[in-house]
N, C-alpha and C. Protein backbone atom coordinates (compact mmCIF):
# COMPACT_ATOMS: atom_id res chain seq x y z
N MET A 1 87.50 -139.13 -79.14
CA MET A 1 86.28 -139.03 -78.19
C MET A 1 85.55 -137.69 -78.43
N GLN A 2 84.34 -137.70 -78.34
CA GLN A 2 83.50 -136.45 -78.58
C GLN A 2 83.43 -135.76 -77.17
N ASP A 3 83.45 -134.41 -77.18
CA ASP A 3 83.24 -133.61 -76.21
C ASP A 3 81.98 -133.54 -75.68
N PRO A 4 81.68 -133.61 -74.36
CA PRO A 4 80.34 -133.56 -73.81
C PRO A 4 79.67 -132.23 -74.21
N GLN A 5 78.33 -132.15 -74.36
CA GLN A 5 77.55 -130.92 -74.81
C GLN A 5 77.63 -130.13 -73.58
N PRO A 6 77.66 -128.74 -73.64
CA PRO A 6 77.69 -127.85 -72.48
C PRO A 6 76.53 -127.98 -71.61
N GLU A 7 75.29 -128.19 -72.10
CA GLU A 7 74.29 -128.34 -71.26
C GLU A 7 74.31 -129.61 -70.37
N LYS A 8 74.99 -130.70 -70.88
CA LYS A 8 75.09 -131.94 -70.06
C LYS A 8 76.15 -131.66 -69.00
N ILE A 9 77.17 -130.96 -69.26
CA ILE A 9 78.15 -130.63 -68.20
C ILE A 9 77.56 -129.77 -67.11
N LEU A 10 76.80 -128.87 -67.40
CA LEU A 10 76.08 -127.98 -66.41
C LEU A 10 75.16 -128.88 -65.62
N GLN A 11 74.44 -129.84 -66.26
CA GLN A 11 73.55 -130.87 -65.51
C GLN A 11 74.27 -131.65 -64.46
N GLN A 12 75.54 -132.10 -65.01
CA GLN A 12 76.32 -132.95 -64.11
C GLN A 12 76.82 -132.13 -62.79
N LEU A 13 77.12 -130.88 -63.08
CA LEU A 13 77.50 -130.04 -62.10
C LEU A 13 76.45 -129.89 -60.86
N VAL A 14 75.27 -130.00 -61.24
CA VAL A 14 74.25 -129.85 -60.30
C VAL A 14 73.70 -131.19 -59.72
N THR A 15 74.03 -132.29 -60.34
CA THR A 15 73.53 -133.63 -59.94
C THR A 15 74.64 -134.50 -59.33
N GLU A 16 75.86 -134.40 -59.59
CA GLU A 16 76.99 -135.24 -59.18
C GLU A 16 77.59 -134.72 -57.96
N GLU A 17 78.01 -135.59 -57.05
CA GLU A 17 78.61 -135.27 -55.74
C GLU A 17 80.20 -135.54 -55.77
N MET A 18 80.72 -134.76 -54.89
CA MET A 18 82.23 -134.92 -54.84
C MET A 18 82.46 -136.28 -54.32
N PRO A 19 83.35 -137.12 -55.07
CA PRO A 19 83.44 -138.60 -54.46
C PRO A 19 84.40 -138.90 -53.48
N PHE A 20 85.18 -137.82 -53.00
CA PHE A 20 86.22 -138.01 -51.94
C PHE A 20 86.57 -136.73 -51.34
N GLY A 21 87.49 -136.85 -50.25
CA GLY A 21 87.96 -135.64 -49.62
C GLY A 21 87.13 -134.95 -48.59
N LYS A 22 87.47 -133.81 -48.19
CA LYS A 22 86.78 -133.02 -47.31
C LYS A 22 85.42 -132.79 -47.67
N TYR A 23 85.03 -132.68 -48.79
CA TYR A 23 83.71 -132.30 -49.24
C TYR A 23 83.00 -133.71 -49.90
N LYS A 24 83.36 -134.83 -49.65
CA LYS A 24 82.69 -135.88 -50.12
C LYS A 24 81.34 -136.01 -49.92
N GLY A 25 80.48 -136.27 -50.97
CA GLY A 25 79.02 -136.42 -50.86
C GLY A 25 78.39 -134.96 -51.05
N VAL A 26 79.15 -133.79 -51.19
CA VAL A 26 78.53 -132.55 -51.46
C VAL A 26 78.34 -132.45 -53.05
N LYS A 27 77.13 -131.97 -53.44
CA LYS A 27 76.93 -131.68 -54.84
C LYS A 27 78.12 -130.73 -55.32
N LEU A 28 78.49 -130.92 -56.62
CA LEU A 28 79.72 -130.07 -57.02
C LEU A 28 79.36 -128.61 -57.03
N TYR A 29 78.31 -128.28 -57.49
CA TYR A 29 77.82 -126.89 -57.62
C TYR A 29 77.95 -126.12 -56.20
N ARG A 30 77.76 -126.97 -55.22
CA ARG A 30 77.84 -126.33 -53.87
C ARG A 30 79.25 -126.23 -53.15
N LEU A 31 80.25 -126.68 -53.81
CA LEU A 31 81.67 -126.62 -53.43
C LEU A 31 81.98 -125.21 -53.30
N PRO A 32 82.62 -124.78 -52.18
CA PRO A 32 83.08 -123.38 -51.95
C PRO A 32 84.18 -122.92 -52.87
N GLU A 33 84.12 -121.68 -53.24
CA GLU A 33 85.11 -121.26 -54.23
C GLU A 33 86.51 -121.32 -53.74
N PRO A 34 86.89 -121.10 -52.49
CA PRO A 34 88.20 -121.43 -52.01
C PRO A 34 88.74 -122.73 -52.24
N TYR A 35 88.00 -123.75 -52.10
CA TYR A 35 88.27 -125.13 -52.45
C TYR A 35 88.60 -125.31 -53.80
N LEU A 36 87.94 -124.76 -54.73
CA LEU A 36 88.21 -124.74 -56.18
C LEU A 36 89.35 -123.93 -56.51
N VAL A 37 89.73 -122.82 -55.86
CA VAL A 37 90.88 -122.02 -56.12
C VAL A 37 92.05 -122.94 -55.59
N TRP A 38 91.98 -123.61 -54.49
CA TRP A 38 92.97 -124.59 -54.02
C TRP A 38 93.37 -125.58 -55.22
N TYR A 39 92.28 -126.18 -55.68
CA TYR A 39 92.53 -127.24 -56.84
C TYR A 39 93.12 -126.57 -58.00
N HIS A 40 92.73 -125.34 -58.29
CA HIS A 40 93.32 -124.61 -59.45
C HIS A 40 94.71 -124.63 -59.25
N ARG A 41 95.18 -124.20 -58.06
CA ARG A 41 96.64 -124.00 -57.84
C ARG A 41 97.52 -125.32 -57.75
N LYS A 42 96.72 -126.45 -57.14
CA LYS A 42 97.28 -127.71 -56.79
C LYS A 42 97.30 -128.52 -58.17
N GLY A 43 96.31 -128.36 -59.03
CA GLY A 43 96.04 -129.06 -60.12
C GLY A 43 94.76 -129.92 -59.96
N PHE A 44 93.87 -129.79 -61.09
CA PHE A 44 92.75 -130.57 -60.84
C PHE A 44 92.94 -132.13 -61.12
N PRO A 45 92.02 -132.85 -60.62
CA PRO A 45 92.17 -134.33 -60.74
C PRO A 45 92.12 -134.68 -62.32
N LYS A 46 92.64 -135.70 -62.69
CA LYS A 46 92.47 -136.09 -64.17
C LYS A 46 91.21 -136.59 -64.42
N GLY A 47 90.81 -136.47 -65.71
CA GLY A 47 89.59 -137.06 -66.20
C GLY A 47 88.44 -136.19 -66.13
N ARG A 48 87.28 -136.80 -66.15
CA ARG A 48 85.92 -136.17 -66.23
C ARG A 48 85.66 -135.26 -64.89
N LEU A 49 86.09 -135.74 -63.77
CA LEU A 49 85.91 -135.03 -62.53
C LEU A 49 86.80 -133.69 -62.65
N GLY A 50 87.99 -133.93 -62.97
CA GLY A 50 88.80 -132.61 -63.14
C GLY A 50 88.26 -131.58 -64.17
N MET A 51 87.76 -132.09 -65.19
CA MET A 51 87.09 -131.17 -66.11
C MET A 51 85.86 -130.47 -65.52
N LEU A 52 85.06 -131.25 -64.71
CA LEU A 52 83.93 -130.66 -64.07
C LEU A 52 84.40 -129.65 -63.14
N LEU A 53 85.26 -129.91 -62.18
CA LEU A 53 85.76 -128.90 -61.33
C LEU A 53 86.49 -127.69 -61.86
N ASN A 54 87.13 -127.94 -62.95
CA ASN A 54 87.70 -126.80 -63.71
C ASN A 54 86.73 -125.89 -64.28
N THR A 55 85.54 -126.56 -64.75
CA THR A 55 84.46 -125.82 -65.29
C THR A 55 83.60 -125.04 -64.27
N LEU A 56 83.49 -125.67 -63.13
CA LEU A 56 82.91 -124.97 -61.98
C LEU A 56 83.66 -123.77 -61.51
N TYR A 57 84.96 -123.96 -61.38
CA TYR A 57 85.94 -122.96 -60.97
C TYR A 57 85.78 -121.69 -61.98
N GLU A 58 85.71 -121.95 -63.28
CA GLU A 58 85.51 -120.81 -64.15
C GLU A 58 84.23 -120.22 -64.11
N ILE A 59 83.22 -121.03 -63.89
CA ILE A 59 81.81 -120.46 -63.73
C ILE A 59 81.80 -119.41 -62.40
N LYS A 60 82.43 -120.01 -61.35
CA LYS A 60 82.34 -119.19 -59.99
C LYS A 60 83.34 -118.05 -60.20
N LEU A 61 84.44 -118.19 -60.77
CA LEU A 61 85.32 -117.22 -60.94
C LEU A 61 84.91 -115.88 -61.75
N ASN A 62 84.10 -116.29 -62.72
CA ASN A 62 83.53 -115.25 -63.70
C ASN A 62 82.02 -114.88 -63.29
N GLY A 63 81.55 -115.23 -62.14
CA GLY A 63 80.13 -114.85 -61.72
C GLY A 63 79.05 -115.31 -62.57
N LEU A 64 79.29 -116.49 -63.06
CA LEU A 64 78.17 -117.15 -63.96
C LEU A 64 77.37 -118.11 -63.28
N GLU A 65 77.18 -118.12 -61.96
CA GLU A 65 76.35 -119.13 -61.22
C GLU A 65 74.95 -119.17 -61.74
N TYR A 66 74.57 -117.99 -62.18
CA TYR A 66 73.26 -117.99 -62.71
C TYR A 66 72.84 -118.92 -63.91
N LEU A 67 73.91 -119.40 -64.48
CA LEU A 67 73.83 -120.46 -65.49
C LEU A 67 73.26 -121.81 -64.96
N LEU A 68 73.51 -122.03 -63.71
CA LEU A 68 73.11 -123.22 -62.99
C LEU A 68 71.85 -123.18 -62.30
N LYS A 69 71.42 -121.93 -61.90
CA LYS A 69 70.15 -121.67 -61.25
C LYS A 69 68.90 -122.46 -61.76
N PRO A 70 68.64 -122.33 -63.11
CA PRO A 70 67.42 -123.03 -63.74
C PRO A 70 67.52 -124.51 -63.52
N LEU A 71 68.74 -125.16 -63.56
CA LEU A 71 68.93 -126.62 -63.44
C LEU A 71 68.74 -126.93 -61.95
N ILE A 72 69.14 -126.08 -61.13
CA ILE A 72 68.96 -126.46 -59.59
C ILE A 72 67.52 -126.26 -59.26
N ASP A 73 66.82 -125.28 -59.80
CA ASP A 73 65.54 -125.07 -59.53
C ASP A 73 64.55 -126.25 -60.01
N ASN A 74 64.95 -126.89 -61.04
CA ASN A 74 64.24 -127.98 -61.76
C ASN A 74 64.38 -129.27 -61.24
N ARG A 75 65.36 -129.35 -60.25
CA ARG A 75 65.72 -130.72 -59.77
C ARG A 75 64.71 -131.27 -58.83
């Protein structure tokens, strides 16, 4: 299976919503950092959602939210 292109992953972070739980219906990029830290400790879900949440965790942890801003502004 081919890895998704980084720009597609970033696009998915600003367009897709959390499908379940406390933040069901919230765009992924809007998830609070403490929620992502909790998942990091507990373990991210399997599959694509887990990959997206882990990517978002790394973006927020490293102060890289500016990478998402142009995509958010263009929506």
